[in-house]
Amino acid sequence: MDKYSGADMQTVHLSNFEFDLHQRSVRLTIIAYATVCLIIIMTAATFALALLYTALLSGLATLLYWIIRKSQVRYTLTATHFQQHNFRGGWVVKWNNIREISQCTYDIDGWHQPLPWIGIRLKSYTPYLDSICPRIISEILLSQRGLLYLGMKQHNAQMSEFEDIVLDPSLFKSEGGKVYSGLLAMLANRMRYQRNYHGYDLFISMSDLGIHGDELIGMARRYIAAAEPDHPPQ
């Protein structure tokens, strides 16, 4: 049976890279580090000097570990939702709230050139805005500035307006009447601009996936097709 169909939809985890203590490469790195520390302790002129060198190596190893962890981006696909996780937090979108998912393109004289981004068009902004971790909003706004700029450029928009809309703080009112302010309003306004220029609200960098973008798109469309419809409250 197809693992992406019906009630048997499996949970899938994706990541730009894995950092698992059970991985052979990680175990070998730990063994190499322990060996170096042992050699330093055995060859140092004094015990105090050995402790100093070991402490320095430990500090560097800890710093490297946190740099790696902060740059890791993970995605989870379940039968009901699509979720992003990173060092600062994440967001959740239910499959039945996704209208479309596809690769973004850039129109050059009628030729659509693919961009290294996957776009998601939502049915409703409210569930996404209510689920997102506020700590990652600033990162999204900054990392996708270039995408907004390209969208304005391909639609021949007044580029002088870029600075006015890139961090638009005006209040945002959802389709259900809920009003958002602050960072959430900035994010919602950015989504509105991006939909106008690219046709999508959310964007995923293909470099964060660990698989080809077409694979994720095909997989996600199967999850969307198998998802239960979102029934309105009685």
Protein backbone atom coordinates (compact mmCIF):
# COMPACT_ATOMS: atom_id res chain seq x y z
CA MET A 1 0.00 0.00 0.00
CA ASP A 2 1.18 3.50 -0.82
CA LYS A 3 2.52 4.97 2.41
CA TYR A 4 1.15 8.43 1.53
CA SER A 5 -2.47 7.41 0.96
CA GLY A 6 -5.57 7.13 3.09
CA ALA A 7 -5.50 6.60 6.82
CA ASP A 8 -2.06 4.97 6.67
CA MET A 9 -0.18 8.23 6.03
CA GLN A 10 3.15 7.91 7.79
CA THR A 11 5.02 10.60 9.66
CA VAL A 12 8.04 11.81 7.69
CA HIS A 13 10.95 13.86 9.06
CA LEU A 14 13.16 16.02 6.83
CA SER A 15 16.21 18.12 7.66
CA ASN A 16 18.93 20.11 5.94
CA PHE A 17 21.37 17.85 7.81
CA GLU A 18 21.21 15.35 10.64
CA PHE A 19 23.06 15.59 13.91
CA ASP A 20 22.40 12.35 15.73
CA LEU A 21 24.65 10.88 18.41
CA HIS A 22 23.97 7.46 16.88
CA GLN A 23 25.48 8.48 13.54
CA ARG A 24 28.81 6.87 12.77
CA SER A 25 30.44 10.19 11.76
CA VAL A 26 29.38 11.84 15.02
CA ARG A 27 30.65 8.91 17.09
CA LEU A 28 33.99 9.01 15.28
CA THR A 29 34.26 12.76 15.93
CA ILE A 30 33.64 12.23 19.65
CA ILE A 31 36.25 9.44 19.76
CA ALA A 32 38.78 11.64 17.93
CA TYR A 33 38.13 14.51 20.35
CA ALA A 34 38.55 12.25 23.38
CA THR A 35 41.79 10.90 21.92
CA VAL A 36 43.20 14.39 21.39
CA CYS A 37 42.31 15.37 24.96
CA LEU A 38 44.00 12.24 26.28
CA ILE A 39 47.17 12.97 24.29
CA ILE A 40 47.24 16.55 25.59
CA ILE A 41 46.87 15.39 29.18
CA MET A 42 49.66 12.84 28.79
CA THR A 43 52.11 15.19 27.05
CA ALA A 44 51.47 18.51 28.82
CA ALA A 45 54.31 19.83 30.95
CA THR A 46 52.06 20.25 33.99
CA PHE A 47 48.65 19.01 35.03
CA ALA A 48 47.36 22.58 35.22
CA LEU A 49 48.43 23.21 31.64
CA ALA A 50 46.71 20.01 30.54
CA LEU A 51 43.49 21.15 32.19
CA LEU A 52 43.75 24.53 30.48
CA TYR A 53 44.20 22.99 27.03
CA THR A 54 41.36 20.54 27.63
CA ALA A 55 39.07 23.35 28.79
CA LEU A 56 39.87 25.38 25.65
CA LEU A 57 39.14 22.39 23.41
CA SER A 58 35.90 21.74 25.28
CA GLY A 59 34.86 25.36 24.81
CA LEU A 60 35.55 25.22 21.09
CA ALA A 61 33.68 21.93 20.77
CA THR A 62 30.67 23.35 22.61
CA LEU A 63 30.67 26.48 20.44
CA LEU A 64 30.82 24.38 17.26
CA TYR A 65 27.98 22.19 18.51
CA TRP A 66 25.69 25.17 19.12
CA ILE A 67 26.55 26.72 15.75
CA ILE A 68 25.55 23.47 14.07
CA ARG A 69 22.37 23.12 16.11
CA LYS A 70 21.31 26.73 15.39
CA SER A 71 21.68 26.20 11.65
CA GLN A 72 19.64 22.99 11.57
CA VAL A 73 16.13 23.22 10.09
CA ARG A 74 13.71 20.30 10.37
CA TYR A 75 10.30 19.56 8.89
CA THR A 76 7.68 17.04 9.98
CA LEU A 77 4.87 15.76 7.76
CA THR A 78 2.03 13.91 9.49
CA ALA A 79 -1.43 12.82 8.37
CA THR A 80 -2.89 16.10 9.66
CA HIS A 81 -0.24 18.82 9.45
CA PHE A 82 3.06 20.16 8.12
CA GLN A 83 5.45 21.59 10.69
CA GLN A 84 8.76 23.44 10.68
CA HIS A 85 11.18 23.36 13.60
CA ASN A 86 14.45 25.20 14.10
CA PHE A 87 16.58 26.49 16.96
CA ARG A 88 14.28 29.46 17.62
CA GLY A 89 10.93 27.70 17.32
CA GLY A 90 8.64 26.84 14.43
CA TRP A 91 5.21 26.93 12.83
CA VAL A 92 2.40 24.49 12.02
CA VAL A 93 0.03 24.39 9.04
CA LYS A 94 -2.78 21.86 8.66
CA TRP A 95 -2.98 20.20 5.26
CA ASN A 96 -6.61 21.23 4.90
CA ASN A 97 -5.54 24.88 5.18
CA ILE A 98 -3.20 24.66 2.18
CA ARG A 99 -4.66 25.73 -1.15
CA GLU A 100 -1.55 25.22 -3.27
CA ILE A 101 2.12 24.23 -2.98
CA SER A 102 4.63 24.56 -5.80
CA GLN A 103 8.07 25.87 -6.73
CA CYS A 104 8.44 29.63 -7.09
CA THR A 105 9.49 31.04 -10.42
CA TYR A 106 10.82 34.34 -11.70
CA ASP A 107 9.39 35.71 -14.94
CA ILE A 108 12.05 37.02 -17.32
CA ASP A 109 10.54 38.23 -20.60
CA GLY A 110 7.86 35.53 -20.44
CA TRP A 111 10.25 32.75 -19.41
CA HIS A 112 9.62 31.37 -15.95
CA GLN A 113 12.94 30.62 -14.27
CA PRO A 114 12.73 28.38 -11.18
CA LEU A 115 13.77 29.87 -7.85
CA PRO A 116 15.22 27.78 -4.97
CA TRP A 117 12.05 28.34 -2.93
CA ILE A 118 8.86 26.34 -2.44
CA GLY A 119 5.75 28.47 -2.04
CA ILE A 120 2.63 27.62 -0.03
CA ARG A 121 -0.66 29.44 -0.52
CA LEU A 122 -2.98 29.26 2.48
CA LYS A 123 -6.75 29.30 2.68
CA SER A 124 -6.68 31.24 5.94
CA TYR A 125 -3.90 33.22 7.62
CA THR A 126 -5.31 32.97 11.15
CA PRO A 127 -4.32 29.38 12.09
CA TYR A 128 -0.76 29.97 10.86
CA LEU A 129 -0.37 33.30 12.64
CA ASP A 130 -1.76 31.81 15.85
CA SER A 131 0.62 28.85 15.73
CA ILE A 132 3.93 30.48 14.82
CA CYS A 133 6.61 31.00 17.45
CA PRO A 134 7.23 34.78 17.68
CA ARG A 135 10.98 34.24 18.01
CA ILE A 136 11.34 33.12 14.39
CA ILE A 137 9.30 35.92 12.81
CA SER A 138 12.27 38.30 12.64
CA GLU A 139 14.34 35.59 10.98
CA ILE A 140 11.65 35.01 8.35
CA LEU A 141 11.29 38.72 7.62
CA LEU A 142 15.04 39.16 7.18
CA SER A 143 15.84 35.95 5.27
CA GLN A 144 13.09 36.54 2.67
CA ARG A 145 13.81 40.20 1.90
CA GLY A 146 15.48 39.21 -1.38
CA LEU A 147 12.43 37.21 -2.44
CA LEU A 148 10.17 40.21 -1.86
CA TYR A 149 12.56 42.41 -3.85
CA LEU A 150 12.49 39.96 -6.80
CA GLY A 151 8.71 39.87 -6.69
CA MET A 152 8.46 43.65 -6.85
CA LYS A 153 11.00 43.76 -9.66
CA GLN A 154 9.21 41.23 -11.88
CA HIS A 155 5.93 43.14 -11.46
CA ASN A 156 7.61 46.46 -12.31
CA ALA A 157 6.64 47.92 -8.94
CA GLN A 158 8.10 51.18 -7.71
CA MET A 159 11.31 49.97 -6.06
CA SER A 160 11.40 53.14 -3.97
CA GLU A 161 8.49 51.63 -2.03
CA PHE A 162 10.53 48.59 -0.98
CA GLU A 163 11.66 50.11 2.32
CA ASP A 164 8.06 51.03 3.12
CA ILE A 165 6.67 47.51 2.74
CA VAL A 166 9.61 45.29 3.71
CA LEU A 167 8.75 45.76 7.40
CA ASP A 168 5.22 47.12 7.26
CA PRO A 169 4.05 47.52 10.90
CA SER A 170 0.45 48.55 10.14
CA LEU A 171 -2.32 46.63 11.89
CA PHE A 172 -3.50 43.53 10.05
CA LYS A 173 -7.12 42.35 10.18
CA SER A 174 -7.73 38.72 9.28
CA GLU A 175 -10.65 37.42 7.23
CA GLY A 176 -12.33 36.46 10.52
CA GLY A 177 -11.97 39.95 11.98
CA LYS A 178 -9.04 39.24 14.29
CA VAL A 179 -6.58 42.15 14.52
CA TYR A 180 -2.82 41.53 14.72
CA SER A 181 -0.16 44.03 15.73
CA GLY A 182 3.61 44.12 16.20
CA LEU A 183 5.69 41.32 14.69
CA LEU A 184 2.61 39.26 13.79
CA ALA A 185 1.22 42.20 11.82
CA MET A 186 4.57 42.62 10.03
CA LEU A 187 4.54 38.94 9.12
CA ALA A 188 0.91 39.00 7.94
CA ASN A 189 1.53 42.12 5.84
CA ARG A 190 4.63 40.51 4.31
CA MET A 191 2.56 37.42 3.46
CA ARG A 192 -0.01 39.65 1.77
CA TYR A 193 2.66 41.39 -0.32
CA GLN A 194 4.33 38.11 -1.24
CA ARG A 195 1.00 36.65 -2.36
CA ASN A 196 0.51 39.68 -4.60
CA TYR A 197 3.97 39.32 -6.16
CA HIS A 198 4.60 35.55 -6.12
CA GLY A 199 1.17 34.00 -5.50
CA TYR A 200 2.20 32.36 -2.21
CA ASP A 201 2.17 33.20 1.50
CA LEU A 202 4.83 30.92 3.00
CA PHE A 203 8.21 30.03 1.58
CA ILE A 204 10.59 27.16 2.23
CA SER A 205 14.20 27.27 1.12
CA MET A 206 15.10 24.13 -0.80
CA SER A 207 18.49 24.10 0.90
CA ASP A 208 16.70 23.34 4.19
CA LEU A 209 15.06 20.12 3.03
CA GLY A 210 17.71 17.45 2.55
CA ILE A 211 15.72 16.22 -0.50
CA HIS A 212 14.87 17.67 -3.91
CA GLY A 213 12.13 20.28 -3.92
CA ASP A 214 10.04 18.25 -6.37
CA GLU A 215 10.04 15.36 -3.90
CA LEU A 216 8.61 17.51 -1.12
CA ILE A 217 6.01 19.05 -3.44
CA GLY A 218 4.84 15.65 -4.65
CA MET A 219 4.78 14.26 -1.13
CA ALA A 220 2.91 17.27 0.26
CA ARG A 221 0.28 17.10 -2.47
CA ARG A 222 -0.45 13.50 -1.51
CA TYR A 223 -0.88 14.49 2.12
CA ILE A 224 -3.18 17.34 1.09
CA ALA A 225 -5.29 15.03 -1.06
CA ALA A 226 -5.63 12.51 1.80
CA ALA A 227 -6.33 15.08 4.54
CA GLU A 228 -9.75 15.27 6.14
CA PRO A 229 -11.68 18.44 5.23
CA ASP A 230 -11.90 21.15 7.85
CA HIS A 231 -15.54 21.15 8.93
CA PRO A 232 -16.91 24.49 10.17
CA PRO A 233 -18.27 24.51 13.75
CA GLN A 234 -21.98 23.76 14.10
